ModelCIF file with pLDDT and N, C-alpha, C, O atoms, coordinates in Angstrom:
data_MODEL
#
_entry.id   MODEL 
#
_entity.id                         1 
_entity.type                       polymer 
_entity.pdbx_number_of_molecules   1 
#
_entity_poly.entity_id                      1 
_entity_poly.type                           'polypeptide(L)' 
_entity_poly.nstd_linkage                   no 
_entity_poly.nstd_monomer                   no 
_entity_poly.pdbx_seq_one_letter_code       TILMINPAAEELLKSSQEAVRGRKCFELLHGSQSPPKECPLKRMLM 
_entity_poly.pdbx_seq_one_letter_code_can   TILMINPAAEELLKSSQEAVRGRKCFELLHGSQSPPKECPLKRMLM 
_entity_poly.pdbx_strand_id                 A 
#
loop_
_entity_poly_seq.entity_id 
_entity_poly_seq.num 
_entity_poly_seq.mon_id 
_entity_poly_seq.hetero 
1 1  THR n 
1 2  ILE n 
1 3  LEU n 
1 4  MET n 
1 5  ILE n 
1 6  ASN n 
1 7  PRO n 
1 8  ALA n 
1 9  ALA n 
1 10 GLU n 
1 11 GLU n 
1 12 LEU n 
1 13 LEU n 
1 14 LYS n 
1 15 SER n 
1 16 SER n 
1 17 GLN n 
1 18 GLU n 
1 19 ALA n 
1 20 VAL n 
1 21 ARG n 
1 22 GLY n 
1 23 ARG n 
1 24 LYS n 
1 25 CYS n 
1 26 PHE n 
1 27 GLU n 
1 28 LEU n 
1 29 LEU n 
1 30 HIS n 
1 31 GLY n 
1 32 SER n 
1 33 GLN n 
1 34 SER n 
1 35 PRO n 
1 36 PRO n 
1 37 LYS n 
1 38 GLU n 
1 39 CYS n 
1 40 PRO n 
1 41 LEU n 
1 42 LYS n 
1 43 ARG n 
1 44 MET n 
1 45 LEU n 
1 46 MET n 
#
_struct_asym.id          A 
_struct_asym.entity_id   1 
#
loop_
_ma_qa_metric.id 
_ma_qa_metric.mode 
_ma_qa_metric.name 
_ma_qa_metric.software_group_id 
_ma_qa_metric.type 
1 global pLDDT . pLDDT 
2 local  pLDDT . pLDDT 
#
_ma_qa_metric_global.metric_id      1 
_ma_qa_metric_global.metric_value   91.98 
_ma_qa_metric_global.model_id       1 
_ma_qa_metric_global.ordinal_id     1 
#
loop_
_ma_qa_metric_local.label_asym_id 
_ma_qa_metric_local.label_comp_id 
_ma_qa_metric_local.label_seq_id 
_ma_qa_metric_local.metric_id 
_ma_qa_metric_local.metric_value 
_ma_qa_metric_local.model_id 
_ma_qa_metric_local.ordinal_id 
A THR 1  2 95.00 1 1  
A ILE 2  2 94.00 1 2  
A LEU 3  2 93.00 1 3  
A MET 4  2 92.00 1 4  
A ILE 5  2 92.00 1 5  
A ASN 6  2 91.00 1 6  
A PRO 7  2 91.00 1 7  
A ALA 8  2 90.00 1 8  
A ALA 9  2 92.00 1 9  
A GLU 10 2 93.00 1 10 
A GLU 11 2 91.00 1 11 
A LEU 12 2 90.00 1 12 
A LEU 13 2 91.00 1 13 
A LYS 14 2 92.00 1 14 
A SER 15 2 92.00 1 15 
A SER 16 2 93.00 1 16 
A GLN 17 2 89.00 1 17 
A GLU 18 2 92.00 1 18 
A ALA 19 2 94.00 1 19 
A VAL 20 2 93.00 1 20 
A ARG 21 2 94.00 1 21 
A GLY 22 2 95.00 1 22 
A ARG 23 2 95.00 1 23 
A LYS 24 2 95.00 1 24 
A CYS 25 2 93.00 1 25 
A PHE 26 2 93.00 1 26 
A GLU 27 2 92.00 1 27 
A LEU 28 2 91.00 1 28 
A LEU 29 2 92.00 1 29 
A HIS 30 2 93.00 1 30 
A GLY 31 2 90.00 1 31 
A SER 32 2 91.00 1 32 
A GLN 33 2 92.00 1 33 
A SER 34 2 92.00 1 34 
A PRO 35 2 90.00 1 35 
A PRO 36 2 90.00 1 36 
A LYS 37 2 90.00 1 37 
A GLU 38 2 89.00 1 38 
A CYS 39 2 92.00 1 39 
A PRO 40 2 93.00 1 40 
A LEU 41 2 93.00 1 41 
A LYS 42 2 90.00 1 42 
A ARG 43 2 92.00 1 43 
A MET 44 2 92.00 1 44 
A LEU 45 2 91.00 1 45 
A MET 46 2 91.00 1 46 
#
loop_
_atom_site.group_PDB 
_atom_site.id 
_atom_site.type_symbol 
_atom_site.label_atom_id 
_atom_site.label_alt_id 
_atom_site.label_comp_id 
_atom_site.label_asym_id 
_atom_site.label_entity_id 
_atom_site.label_seq_id 
_atom_site.pdbx_PDB_ins_code 
_atom_site.Cartn_x 
_atom_site.Cartn_y 
_atom_site.Cartn_z 
_atom_site.occupancy 
_atom_site.B_iso_or_equiv 
_atom_site.pdbx_formal_charge 
_atom_site.auth_seq_id 
_atom_site.auth_comp_id 
_atom_site.auth_asym_id 
_atom_site.auth_atom_id 
_atom_site.pdbx_PDB_model_num 
ATOM 1   N N  . THR A 1 1  ? 0.850  -1.190  0.000   1.00 95.00 ? 1  THR A N  1 
ATOM 2   C CA . THR A 1 1  ? 0.000  0.000   0.000   1.00 95.00 ? 1  THR A CA 1 
ATOM 3   C C  . THR A 1 1  ? 0.885  1.238   0.000   1.00 95.00 ? 1  THR A C  1 
ATOM 4   O O  . THR A 1 1  ? 1.865  1.308   0.742   1.00 95.00 ? 1  THR A O  1 
ATOM 5   N N  . ILE A 1 2  ? 0.545  2.193   -0.815  1.00 94.00 ? 2  ILE A N  1 
ATOM 6   C CA . ILE A 1 2  ? 1.345  3.425   -0.929  1.00 94.00 ? 2  ILE A CA 1 
ATOM 7   C C  . ILE A 1 2  ? 1.098  4.315   0.277   1.00 94.00 ? 2  ILE A C  1 
ATOM 8   O O  . ILE A 1 2  ? -0.040 4.672   0.579   1.00 94.00 ? 2  ILE A O  1 
ATOM 9   N N  . LEU A 1 3  ? 2.184  4.672   0.967   1.00 93.00 ? 3  LEU A N  1 
ATOM 10  C CA . LEU A 1 3  ? 2.116  5.571   2.113   1.00 93.00 ? 3  LEU A CA 1 
ATOM 11  C C  . LEU A 1 3  ? 2.439  7.001   1.711   1.00 93.00 ? 3  LEU A C  1 
ATOM 12  O O  . LEU A 1 3  ? 1.820  7.949   2.195   1.00 93.00 ? 3  LEU A O  1 
ATOM 13  N N  . MET A 1 4  ? 3.415  7.149   0.822   1.00 92.00 ? 4  MET A N  1 
ATOM 14  C CA . MET A 1 4  ? 3.791  8.473   0.326   1.00 92.00 ? 4  MET A CA 1 
ATOM 15  C C  . MET A 1 4  ? 4.616  8.321   -0.935  1.00 92.00 ? 4  MET A C  1 
ATOM 16  O O  . MET A 1 4  ? 5.205  7.268   -1.178  1.00 92.00 ? 4  MET A O  1 
ATOM 17  N N  . ILE A 1 5  ? 4.658  9.371   -1.733  1.00 92.00 ? 5  ILE A N  1 
ATOM 18  C CA . ILE A 1 5  ? 5.477  9.400   -2.947  1.00 92.00 ? 5  ILE A CA 1 
ATOM 19  C C  . ILE A 1 5  ? 6.141  10.757  -3.045  1.00 92.00 ? 5  ILE A C  1 
ATOM 20  O O  . ILE A 1 5  ? 5.687  11.727  -2.439  1.00 92.00 ? 5  ILE A O  1 
ATOM 21  N N  . ASN A 1 6  ? 7.223  10.823  -3.813  1.00 91.00 ? 6  ASN A N  1 
ATOM 22  C CA . ASN A 1 6  ? 7.900  12.111  -3.977  1.00 91.00 ? 6  ASN A CA 1 
ATOM 23  C C  . ASN A 1 6  ? 7.375  12.827  -5.230  1.00 91.00 ? 6  ASN A C  1 
ATOM 24  O O  . ASN A 1 6  ? 6.624  12.229  -6.001  1.00 91.00 ? 6  ASN A O  1 
ATOM 25  N N  . PRO A 1 7  ? 7.751  14.086  -5.445  1.00 91.00 ? 7  PRO A N  1 
ATOM 26  C CA . PRO A 1 7  ? 7.241  14.831  -6.603  1.00 91.00 ? 7  PRO A CA 1 
ATOM 27  C C  . PRO A 1 7  ? 7.533  14.170  -7.946  1.00 91.00 ? 7  PRO A C  1 
ATOM 28  O O  . PRO A 1 7  ? 6.729  14.272  -8.873  1.00 91.00 ? 7  PRO A O  1 
ATOM 29  N N  . ALA A 1 8  ? 8.687  13.485  -8.060  1.00 90.00 ? 8  ALA A N  1 
ATOM 30  C CA . ALA A 1 8  ? 9.001  12.810  -9.321  1.00 90.00 ? 8  ALA A CA 1 
ATOM 31  C C  . ALA A 1 8  ? 7.998  11.695  -9.601  1.00 90.00 ? 8  ALA A C  1 
ATOM 32  O O  . ALA A 1 8  ? 7.639  11.457  -10.754 1.00 90.00 ? 8  ALA A O  1 
ATOM 33  N N  . ALA A 1 9  ? 7.549  11.018  -8.559  1.00 92.00 ? 9  ALA A N  1 
ATOM 34  C CA . ALA A 1 9  ? 6.533  9.973   -8.729  1.00 92.00 ? 9  ALA A CA 1 
ATOM 35  C C  . ALA A 1 9  ? 5.185  10.590  -9.077  1.00 92.00 ? 9  ALA A C  1 
ATOM 36  O O  . ALA A 1 9  ? 4.433  10.027  -9.873  1.00 92.00 ? 9  ALA A O  1 
ATOM 37  N N  . GLU A 1 10 ? 4.873  11.740  -8.490  1.00 93.00 ? 10 GLU A N  1 
ATOM 38  C CA . GLU A 1 10 ? 3.634  12.438  -8.839  1.00 93.00 ? 10 GLU A CA 1 
ATOM 39  C C  . GLU A 1 10 ? 3.635  12.802  -10.326 1.00 93.00 ? 10 GLU A C  1 
ATOM 40  O O  . GLU A 1 10 ? 2.627  12.650  -11.018 1.00 93.00 ? 10 GLU A O  1 
ATOM 41  N N  . GLU A 1 11 ? 4.776  13.281  -10.798 1.00 91.00 ? 11 GLU A N  1 
ATOM 42  C CA . GLU A 1 11 ? 4.886  13.647  -12.206 1.00 91.00 ? 11 GLU A CA 1 
ATOM 43  C C  . GLU A 1 11 ? 4.759  12.418  -13.103 1.00 91.00 ? 11 GLU A C  1 
ATOM 44  O O  . GLU A 1 11 ? 4.111  12.465  -14.148 1.00 91.00 ? 11 GLU A O  1 
ATOM 45  N N  . LEU A 1 12 ? 5.384  11.321  -12.685 1.00 90.00 ? 12 LEU A N  1 
ATOM 46  C CA . LEU A 1 12 ? 5.328  10.089  -13.469 1.00 90.00 ? 12 LEU A CA 1 
ATOM 47  C C  . LEU A 1 12 ? 3.897  9.579   -13.582 1.00 90.00 ? 12 LEU A C  1 
ATOM 48  O O  . LEU A 1 12 ? 3.463  9.175   -14.661 1.00 90.00 ? 12 LEU A O  1 
ATOM 49  N N  . LEU A 1 13 ? 3.165  9.596   -12.475 1.00 91.00 ? 13 LEU A N  1 
ATOM 50  C CA . LEU A 1 13 ? 1.803  9.069   -12.443 1.00 91.00 ? 13 LEU A CA 1 
ATOM 51  C C  . LEU A 1 13 ? 0.764  10.073  -12.918 1.00 91.00 ? 13 LEU A C  1 
ATOM 52  O O  . LEU A 1 13 ? -0.396 9.729   -13.143 1.00 91.00 ? 13 LEU A O  1 
ATOM 53  N N  . LYS A 1 14 ? 1.200  11.321  -13.066 1.00 92.00 ? 14 LYS A N  1 
ATOM 54  C CA . LYS A 1 14 ? 0.261  12.402  -13.405 1.00 92.00 ? 14 LYS A CA 1 
ATOM 55  C C  . LYS A 1 14 ? -0.873 12.451  -12.374 1.00 92.00 ? 14 LYS A C  1 
ATOM 56  O O  . LYS A 1 14 ? -2.048 12.598  -12.711 1.00 92.00 ? 14 LYS A O  1 
ATOM 57  N N  . SER A 1 15 ? -0.473 12.323  -11.113 1.00 92.00 ? 15 SER A N  1 
ATOM 58  C CA . SER A 1 15 ? -1.449 12.303  -10.033 1.00 92.00 ? 15 SER A CA 1 
ATOM 59  C C  . SER A 1 15 ? -0.796 12.839  -8.763  1.00 92.00 ? 15 SER A C  1 
ATOM 60  O O  . SER A 1 15 ? 0.430  12.855  -8.644  1.00 92.00 ? 15 SER A O  1 
ATOM 61  N N  . SER A 1 16 ? -1.622 13.276  -7.819  1.00 93.00 ? 16 SER A N  1 
ATOM 62  C CA . SER A 1 16 ? -1.097 13.839  -6.575  1.00 93.00 ? 16 SER A CA 1 
ATOM 63  C C  . SER A 1 16 ? -0.894 12.755  -5.529  1.00 93.00 ? 16 SER A C  1 
ATOM 64  O O  . SER A 1 16 ? -1.435 11.654  -5.630  1.00 93.00 ? 16 SER A O  1 
ATOM 65  N N  . GLN A 1 17 ? -0.096 13.100  -4.516  1.00 89.00 ? 17 GLN A N  1 
ATOM 66  C CA . GLN A 1 17 ? 0.156  12.173  -3.427  1.00 89.00 ? 17 GLN A CA 1 
ATOM 67  C C  . GLN A 1 17 ? -1.148 11.806  -2.716  1.00 89.00 ? 17 GLN A C  1 
ATOM 68  O O  . GLN A 1 17 ? -1.356 10.652  -2.341  1.00 89.00 ? 17 GLN A O  1 
ATOM 69  N N  . GLU A 1 18 ? -2.013 12.786  -2.536  1.00 92.00 ? 18 GLU A N  1 
ATOM 70  C CA . GLU A 1 18 ? -3.277 12.545  -1.853  1.00 92.00 ? 18 GLU A CA 1 
ATOM 71  C C  . GLU A 1 18 ? -4.146 11.558  -2.625  1.00 92.00 ? 18 GLU A C  1 
ATOM 72  O O  . GLU A 1 18 ? -4.879 10.769  -2.029  1.00 92.00 ? 18 GLU A O  1 
ATOM 73  N N  . ALA A 1 19 ? -4.060 11.607  -3.954  1.00 94.00 ? 19 ALA A N  1 
ATOM 74  C CA . ALA A 1 19 ? -4.913 10.751  -4.783  1.00 94.00 ? 19 ALA A CA 1 
ATOM 75  C C  . ALA A 1 19 ? -4.448 9.298   -4.795  1.00 94.00 ? 19 ALA A C  1 
ATOM 76  O O  . ALA A 1 19 ? -5.257 8.391   -4.988  1.00 94.00 ? 19 ALA A O  1 
ATOM 77  N N  . VAL A 1 20 ? -3.149 9.073   -4.589  1.00 93.00 ? 20 VAL A N  1 
ATOM 78  C CA . VAL A 1 20 ? -2.630 7.704   -4.681  1.00 93.00 ? 20 VAL A CA 1 
ATOM 79  C C  . VAL A 1 20 ? -2.389 7.066   -3.316  1.00 93.00 ? 20 VAL A C  1 
ATOM 80  O O  . VAL A 1 20 ? -2.247 5.847   -3.225  1.00 93.00 ? 20 VAL A O  1 
ATOM 81  N N  . ARG A 1 21 ? -2.340 7.864   -2.262  1.00 94.00 ? 21 ARG A N  1 
ATOM 82  C CA . ARG A 1 21 ? -2.096 7.308   -0.931  1.00 94.00 ? 21 ARG A CA 1 
ATOM 83  C C  . ARG A 1 21 ? -3.200 6.310   -0.574  1.00 94.00 ? 21 ARG A C  1 
ATOM 84  O O  . ARG A 1 21 ? -4.388 6.598   -0.719  1.00 94.00 ? 21 ARG A O  1 
ATOM 85  N N  . GLY A 1 22 ? -2.785 5.142   -0.107  1.00 95.00 ? 22 GLY A N  1 
ATOM 86  C CA . GLY A 1 22 ? -3.748 4.111   0.260   1.00 95.00 ? 22 GLY A CA 1 
ATOM 87  C C  . GLY A 1 22 ? -4.031 3.110   -0.849  1.00 95.00 ? 22 GLY A C  1 
ATOM 88  O O  . GLY A 1 22 ? -4.667 2.085   -0.604  1.00 95.00 ? 22 GLY A O  1 
ATOM 89  N N  . ARG A 1 23 ? -3.569 3.388   -2.066  1.00 95.00 ? 23 ARG A N  1 
ATOM 90  C CA . ARG A 1 23 ? -3.773 2.455   -3.168  1.00 95.00 ? 23 ARG A CA 1 
ATOM 91  C C  . ARG A 1 23 ? -2.591 1.485   -3.266  1.00 95.00 ? 23 ARG A C  1 
ATOM 92  O O  . ARG A 1 23 ? -1.520 1.753   -2.721  1.00 95.00 ? 23 ARG A O  1 
ATOM 93  N N  . LYS A 1 24 ? -2.783 0.380   -3.950  1.00 95.00 ? 24 LYS A N  1 
ATOM 94  C CA . LYS A 1 24 ? -1.727 -0.605  -4.138  1.00 95.00 ? 24 LYS A CA 1 
ATOM 95  C C  . LYS A 1 24 ? -0.831 -0.179  -5.294  1.00 95.00 ? 24 LYS A C  1 
ATOM 96  O O  . LYS A 1 24 ? -1.306 0.330   -6.309  1.00 95.00 ? 24 LYS A O  1 
ATOM 97  N N  . CYS A 1 25 ? 0.469  -0.394  -5.127  1.00 93.00 ? 25 CYS A N  1 
ATOM 98  C CA . CYS A 1 25 ? 1.407  0.020   -6.177  1.00 93.00 ? 25 CYS A CA 1 
ATOM 99  C C  . CYS A 1 25 ? 1.164  -0.752  -7.477  1.00 93.00 ? 25 CYS A C  1 
ATOM 100 O O  . CYS A 1 25 ? 1.306  -0.191  -8.563  1.00 93.00 ? 25 CYS A O  1 
ATOM 101 N N  . PHE A 1 26 ? 0.795  -2.043  -7.375  1.00 93.00 ? 26 PHE A N  1 
ATOM 102 C CA . PHE A 1 26 ? 0.603  -2.830  -8.591  1.00 93.00 ? 26 PHE A CA 1 
ATOM 103 C C  . PHE A 1 26 ? -0.641 -2.385  -9.367  1.00 93.00 ? 26 PHE A C  1 
ATOM 104 O O  . PHE A 1 26 ? -0.716 -2.575  -10.581 1.00 93.00 ? 26 PHE A O  1 
ATOM 105 N N  . GLU A 1 27 ? -1.615 -1.795  -8.667  1.00 92.00 ? 27 GLU A N  1 
ATOM 106 C CA . GLU A 1 27 ? -2.774 -1.264  -9.366  1.00 92.00 ? 27 GLU A CA 1 
ATOM 107 C C  . GLU A 1 27 ? -2.382 -0.080  -10.240 1.00 92.00 ? 27 GLU A C  1 
ATOM 108 O O  . GLU A 1 27 ? -2.814 0.035   -11.387 1.00 92.00 ? 27 GLU A O  1 
ATOM 109 N N  . LEU A 1 28 ? -1.552 0.800   -9.675  1.00 91.00 ? 28 LEU A N  1 
ATOM 110 C CA . LEU A 1 28 ? -1.161 2.014   -10.393 1.00 91.00 ? 28 LEU A CA 1 
ATOM 111 C C  . LEU A 1 28 ? -0.132 1.743   -11.482 1.00 91.00 ? 28 LEU A C  1 
ATOM 112 O O  . LEU A 1 28 ? -0.189 2.352   -12.550 1.00 91.00 ? 28 LEU A O  1 
ATOM 113 N N  . LEU A 1 29 ? 0.806  0.839   -11.225 1.00 92.00 ? 29 LEU A N  1 
ATOM 114 C CA . LEU A 1 29 ? 1.906  0.631   -12.158 1.00 92.00 ? 29 LEU A CA 1 
ATOM 115 C C  . LEU A 1 29 ? 1.652  -0.485  -13.162 1.00 92.00 ? 29 LEU A C  1 
ATOM 116 O O  . LEU A 1 29 ? 2.161  -0.443  -14.282 1.00 92.00 ? 29 LEU A O  1 
ATOM 117 N N  . HIS A 1 30 ? 0.873  -1.474  -12.772 1.00 93.00 ? 30 HIS A N  1 
ATOM 118 C CA . HIS A 1 30 ? 0.658  -2.619  -13.666 1.00 93.00 ? 30 HIS A CA 1 
ATOM 119 C C  . HIS A 1 30 ? -0.798 -2.805  -14.081 1.00 93.00 ? 30 HIS A C  1 
ATOM 120 O O  . HIS A 1 30 ? -1.109 -3.653  -14.918 1.00 93.00 ? 30 HIS A O  1 
ATOM 121 N N  . GLY A 1 31 ? -1.683 -2.009  -13.493 1.00 90.00 ? 31 GLY A N  1 
ATOM 122 C CA . GLY A 1 31 ? -3.083 -2.129  -13.854 1.00 90.00 ? 31 GLY A CA 1 
ATOM 123 C C  . GLY A 1 31 ? -3.663 -3.481  -13.510 1.00 90.00 ? 31 GLY A C  1 
ATOM 124 O O  . GLY A 1 31 ? -4.558 -3.966  -14.202 1.00 90.00 ? 31 GLY A O  1 
ATOM 125 N N  . SER A 1 32 ? -3.160 -4.107  -12.433 1.00 91.00 ? 32 SER A N  1 
ATOM 126 C CA . SER A 1 32 ? -3.578 -5.455  -12.055 1.00 91.00 ? 32 SER A CA 1 
ATOM 127 C C  . SER A 1 32 ? -4.094 -5.481  -10.622 1.00 91.00 ? 32 SER A C  1 
ATOM 128 O O  . SER A 1 32 ? -3.944 -4.516  -9.873  1.00 91.00 ? 32 SER A O  1 
ATOM 129 N N  . GLN A 1 33 ? -4.704 -6.605  -10.257 1.00 92.00 ? 33 GLN A N  1 
ATOM 130 C CA . GLN A 1 33 ? -5.233 -6.764  -8.912  1.00 92.00 ? 33 GLN A CA 1 
ATOM 131 C C  . GLN A 1 33 ? -4.276 -7.525  -7.994  1.00 92.00 ? 33 GLN A C  1 
ATOM 132 O O  . GLN A 1 33 ? -4.585 -7.773  -6.829  1.00 92.00 ? 33 GLN A O  1 
ATOM 133 N N  . SER A 1 34 ? -3.107 -7.895  -8.534  1.00 92.00 ? 34 SER A N  1 
ATOM 134 C CA . SER A 1 34 ? -2.101 -8.601  -7.741  1.00 92.00 ? 34 SER A CA 1 
ATOM 135 C C  . SER A 1 34 ? -0.725 -8.283  -8.297  1.00 92.00 ? 34 SER A C  1 
ATOM 136 O O  . SER A 1 34 ? -0.614 -7.876  -9.453  1.00 92.00 ? 34 SER A O  1 
ATOM 137 N N  . PRO A 1 35 ? 0.329  -8.457  -7.506  1.00 90.00 ? 35 PRO A N  1 
ATOM 138 C CA . PRO A 1 35 ? 1.687  -8.148  -7.978  1.00 90.00 ? 35 PRO A CA 1 
ATOM 139 C C  . PRO A 1 35 ? 2.106  -9.091  -9.104  1.00 90.00 ? 35 PRO A C  1 
ATOM 140 O O  . PRO A 1 35 ? 1.693  -10.250 -9.121  1.00 90.00 ? 35 PRO A O  1 
ATOM 141 N N  . PRO A 1 36 ? 2.921  -8.609  -10.045 1.00 90.00 ? 36 PRO A N  1 
ATOM 142 C CA . PRO A 1 36 ? 3.448  -9.489  -11.092 1.00 90.00 ? 36 PRO A CA 1 
ATOM 143 C C  . PRO A 1 36 ? 4.412  -10.516 -10.505 1.00 90.00 ? 36 PRO A C  1 
ATOM 144 O O  . PRO A 1 36 ? 4.950  -10.318 -9.416  1.00 90.00 ? 36 PRO A O  1 
ATOM 145 N N  . LYS A 1 37 ? 4.629  -11.610 -11.229 1.00 90.00 ? 37 LYS A N  1 
ATOM 146 C CA . LYS A 1 37 ? 5.473  -12.694 -10.727 1.00 90.00 ? 37 LYS A CA 1 
ATOM 147 C C  . LYS A 1 37 ? 6.894  -12.234 -10.428 1.00 90.00 ? 37 LYS A C  1 
ATOM 148 O O  . LYS A 1 37 ? 7.517  -12.703 -9.475  1.00 90.00 ? 37 LYS A O  1 
ATOM 149 N N  . GLU A 1 38 ? 7.407  -11.307 -11.249 1.00 89.00 ? 38 GLU A N  1 
ATOM 150 C CA . GLU A 1 38 ? 8.793  -10.873 -11.087 1.00 89.00 ? 38 GLU A CA 1 
ATOM 151 C C  . GLU A 1 38 ? 8.956  -9.739  -10.083 1.00 89.00 ? 38 GLU A C  1 
ATOM 152 O O  . GLU A 1 38 ? 10.037 -9.157  -9.990  1.00 89.00 ? 38 GLU A O  1 
ATOM 153 N N  . CYS A 1 39 ? 7.915  -9.414  -9.332  1.00 92.00 ? 39 CYS A N  1 
ATOM 154 C CA . CYS A 1 39 ? 7.957  -8.296  -8.384  1.00 92.00 ? 39 CYS A CA 1 
ATOM 155 C C  . CYS A 1 39 ? 9.105  -8.462  -7.392  1.00 92.00 ? 39 CYS A C  1 
ATOM 156 O O  . CYS A 1 39 ? 9.168  -9.475  -6.696  1.00 92.00 ? 39 CYS A O  1 
ATOM 157 N N  . PRO A 1 40 ? 10.018 -7.483  -7.311  1.00 93.00 ? 40 PRO A N  1 
ATOM 158 C CA . PRO A 1 40 ? 11.148 -7.598  -6.381  1.00 93.00 ? 40 PRO A CA 1 
ATOM 159 C C  . PRO A 1 40 ? 10.746 -7.426  -4.922  1.00 93.00 ? 40 PRO A C  1 
ATOM 160 O O  . PRO A 1 40 ? 11.478 -7.846  -4.026  1.00 93.00 ? 40 PRO A O  1 
ATOM 161 N N  . LEU A 1 41 ? 9.581  -6.808  -4.672  1.00 93.00 ? 41 LEU A N  1 
ATOM 162 C CA . LEU A 1 41 ? 9.166  -6.611  -3.284  1.00 93.00 ? 41 LEU A CA 1 
ATOM 163 C C  . LEU A 1 41 ? 8.873  -7.945  -2.604  1.00 93.00 ? 41 LEU A C  1 
ATOM 164 O O  . LEU A 1 41 ? 9.184  -8.124  -1.426  1.00 93.00 ? 41 LEU A O  1 
ATOM 165 N N  . LYS A 1 42 ? 8.278  -8.878  -3.338  1.00 90.00 ? 42 LYS A N  1 
ATOM 166 C CA . LYS A 1 42 ? 7.999  -10.196 -2.750  1.00 90.00 ? 42 LYS A CA 1 
ATOM 167 C C  . LYS A 1 42 ? 9.295  -10.901 -2.363  1.00 90.00 ? 42 LYS A C  1 
ATOM 168 O O  . LYS A 1 42 ? 9.378  -11.528 -1.307  1.00 90.00 ? 42 LYS A O  1 
ATOM 169 N N  . ARG A 1 43 ? 10.309 -10.792 -3.228  1.00 92.00 ? 43 ARG A N  1 
ATOM 170 C CA . ARG A 1 43 ? 11.601 -11.404 -2.912  1.00 92.00 ? 43 ARG A CA 1 
ATOM 171 C C  . ARG A 1 43 ? 12.267 -10.697 -1.740  1.00 92.00 ? 43 ARG A C  1 
ATOM 172 O O  . ARG A 1 43 ? 12.915 -11.335 -0.911  1.00 92.00 ? 43 ARG A O  1 
ATOM 173 N N  . MET A 1 44 ? 12.105 -9.379  -1.673  1.00 92.00 ? 44 MET A N  1 
ATOM 174 C CA . MET A 1 44 ? 12.720 -8.600  -0.603  1.00 92.00 ? 44 MET A CA 1 
ATOM 175 C C  . MET A 1 44 ? 12.156 -8.996  0.758   1.00 92.00 ? 44 MET A C  1 
ATOM 176 O O  . MET A 1 44 ? 12.895 -9.076  1.739   1.00 92.00 ? 44 MET A O  1 
ATOM 177 N N  . LEU A 1 45 ? 10.837 -9.245  0.817   1.00 91.00 ? 45 LEU A N  1 
ATOM 178 C CA . LEU A 1 45 ? 10.227 -9.653  2.080   1.00 91.00 ? 45 LEU A CA 1 
ATOM 179 C C  . LEU A 1 45 ? 10.767 -10.998 2.546   1.00 91.00 ? 45 LEU A C  1 
ATOM 180 O O  . LEU A 1 45 ? 10.825 -11.266 3.746   1.00 91.00 ? 45 LEU A O  1 
ATOM 181 N N  . MET A 1 46 ? 11.165 -11.847 1.594   1.00 91.00 ? 46 MET A N  1 
ATOM 182 C CA . MET A 1 46 ? 11.713 -13.154 1.948   1.00 91.00 ? 46 MET A CA 1 
ATOM 183 C C  . MET A 1 46 ? 13.188 -13.073 2.326   1.00 91.00 ? 46 MET A C  1 
ATOM 184 O O  . MET A 1 46 ? 13.799 -14.091 2.650   1.00 91.00 ? 46 MET A O  1 
#
């Protein structure tokens, strides 16, 4: 879940921090309901 983003991320997403806070990163970046198989965050948690 997105807690905060910097201005460069706001520019990339064409959206404000307030609009994306609380949403899942994979929804915004991959347009999916779950992380992609190659997601590095899943490996990082392990």
